[in-house]
Each structure stands twice: as C-alpha cells, then as structure tokens.
C-alpha cells in the first residue's frame, strides 16, 4: 500500500505530474479533456483535446494507492489527480480540488 499526500501542492509541471502518475498505469488512458478559449465570448472554444497518462519506465507499481487531495490542489497537481483517478487500484480521498 502507498499513500500519496498532495493536499498542499499548488502545482508546477504537467510533464512531471503525468510522468509520476505513469508509474501507476499499465496502458495509455485518457485522463482529461479540455478546450482552450479562442476568443472573447465564452462560446469561442477550440477543438476538444485529450490528455493521456501513459505507462512510464520499466516497472509499474501494482499495489493499492490512496491519494489525499484537498482545496489547495491546483494546476499540474490537478492533472496528477485526474491521471490517478483513472489508474487501477487508486482511490482518491479528501475534499475537492481547488479548480
């Protein structure tokens, strides 16, 4: 069993966050979908883009994982939480994220 506490992490780098989450998945999996605003109106949105968490490195952690989350989770840490949400054997515990 592994406990990962990210409650007070305001974010940083999406590549690092998704790379770490990649140690907990065995197949590439869509973890987020997003659109960027392309104009001033709320309906001015670009194409829907998927973010994928992919296996990383020669080994995968296959034990039970608990991720502690809270309202101080922002930015790339939210990407990490989204990636962990789709990983097998992972349970998110705590409050909602900040975003």
Protein backbone atom coordinates (compact mmCIF):
# COMPACT_ATOMS: atom_id res chain seq x y z
CA UNK A 1 0.00 0.00 0.00
CA UNK A 2 1.14 3.54 -0.80
CA UNK A 3 -0.28 6.85 0.46
CA UNK A 4 0.44 9.96 -1.65
CA UNK A 5 -0.45 13.23 0.08
CA UNK A 6 -0.79 16.12 -2.40
CA UNK A 7 -3.15 18.29 -0.34
CA UNK A 8 -0.81 21.28 -0.04
CA UNK A 9 0.71 21.10 -3.54
CA UNK A 10 -0.16 24.13 -5.67
CA UNK A 11 1.16 22.60 -8.89
CA UNK A 12 4.20 23.08 -11.08
CA UNK A 13 4.87 20.97 -14.15
CA UNK A 14 2.33 18.82 -16.05
CA UNK A 15 5.03 16.62 -17.58
CA UNK A 16 6.43 15.76 -14.16
CA UNK A 17 2.94 15.16 -12.74
CA UNK A 18 1.87 12.87 -15.60
CA UNK A 19 5.25 11.11 -15.58
CA UNK A 20 4.85 10.24 -11.91
CA UNK A 21 1.25 9.11 -12.49
CA UNK A 22 2.57 6.94 -15.33
CA UNK A 23 4.13 4.63 -12.73
CA UNK A 24 0.61 3.55 -11.73
CA UNK A 25 -0.96 2.72 -15.12
CA UNK A 26 -0.32 -0.21 -17.44
CA UNK A 27 -1.92 1.13 -20.63
CA UNK A 28 -2.28 4.64 -22.08
CA UNK A 29 -5.51 6.10 -20.71
CA UNK A 30 -7.34 9.39 -21.34
CA UNK A 31 -7.42 11.26 -18.04
CA UNK A 32 -8.63 14.73 -19.09
CA UNK A 33 -10.30 16.53 -21.96
CA UNK A 34 -10.05 20.28 -22.42
CA UNK A 35 -10.61 23.18 -24.81
CA UNK A 36 -8.79 26.49 -24.97
CA UNK A 37 -10.73 29.70 -25.40
CA UNK A 38 -10.11 31.19 -28.85
CA UNK A 39 -11.95 34.49 -28.50
CA UNK A 40 -13.63 36.84 -26.02
CA UNK A 41 -17.01 35.06 -25.85
CA UNK A 42 -17.48 32.08 -23.52
CA UNK A 43 -18.55 30.03 -26.54
CA UNK A 44 -15.34 30.77 -28.51
CA UNK A 45 -13.66 27.43 -27.90
CA UNK A 46 -11.05 25.48 -29.82
CA UNK A 47 -11.09 21.79 -30.55
CA UNK A 48 -11.52 19.22 -27.80
CA UNK A 49 -8.12 17.83 -26.82
CA UNK A 50 -7.45 14.70 -24.78
CA UNK A 51 -4.66 14.40 -22.24
CA UNK A 52 -3.33 10.85 -21.86
CA UNK A 53 -1.45 9.29 -18.97
CA UNK A 54 0.89 6.61 -20.32
CA UNK A 55 2.99 3.94 -18.60
CA UNK A 56 6.44 5.20 -17.68
CA UNK A 57 9.60 3.22 -17.34
CA UNK A 58 10.28 -0.49 -16.94
CA UNK A 59 8.06 -1.09 -13.89
CA UNK A 60 4.56 -0.24 -12.63
CA UNK A 61 3.50 -0.01 -9.00
CA UNK A 62 0.71 -2.59 -8.68
CA UNK A 63 -0.18 -2.16 -5.00
CA UNK A 64 -3.12 -0.27 -3.55
CA UNK A 65 -2.70 3.53 -3.68
CA UNK A 66 -4.53 6.23 -1.72
CA UNK A 67 -4.16 9.84 -2.90
CA UNK A 68 -5.03 12.51 -0.32
CA UNK A 69 -6.46 15.62 -2.02
CA UNK A 70 -7.90 18.95 -0.90
CA UNK A 71 -8.78 22.52 -1.81
CA UNK A 72 -5.12 23.57 -2.08
CA UNK A 73 -4.62 21.29 -5.10
CA UNK A 74 -4.17 23.44 -8.24
CA UNK A 75 -2.62 23.49 -11.71
CA UNK A 76 -0.48 20.49 -12.63
CA UNK A 77 -1.40 18.85 -9.35
CA UNK A 78 -4.99 18.71 -10.63
CA UNK A 79 -3.64 16.97 -13.75
CA UNK A 80 -1.91 14.47 -11.46
CA UNK A 81 -5.15 13.87 -9.54
CA UNK A 82 -7.06 13.41 -12.82
CA UNK A 83 -4.47 10.90 -14.02
CA UNK A 84 -4.56 8.98 -10.74
CA UNK A 85 -8.36 8.93 -10.85
CA UNK A 86 -8.24 6.66 -13.94
CA UNK A 87 -5.44 4.43 -12.64
CA UNK A 88 -6.41 0.98 -11.39
CA UNK A 89 -6.07 0.28 -7.66
CA UNK A 90 -6.09 4.02 -6.83
CA UNK A 91 -8.58 5.70 -4.51
CA UNK A 92 -8.83 9.48 -4.06
CA UNK A 93 -9.59 10.62 -0.51
CA UNK A 94 -10.40 14.05 0.88
CA UNK A 95 -12.04 17.24 -0.32
CA UNK A 96 -12.49 18.58 -3.86
CA UNK A 97 -9.52 20.17 -5.61
CA UNK A 98 -9.15 23.94 -5.83
CA UNK A 99 -10.01 24.32 -9.52
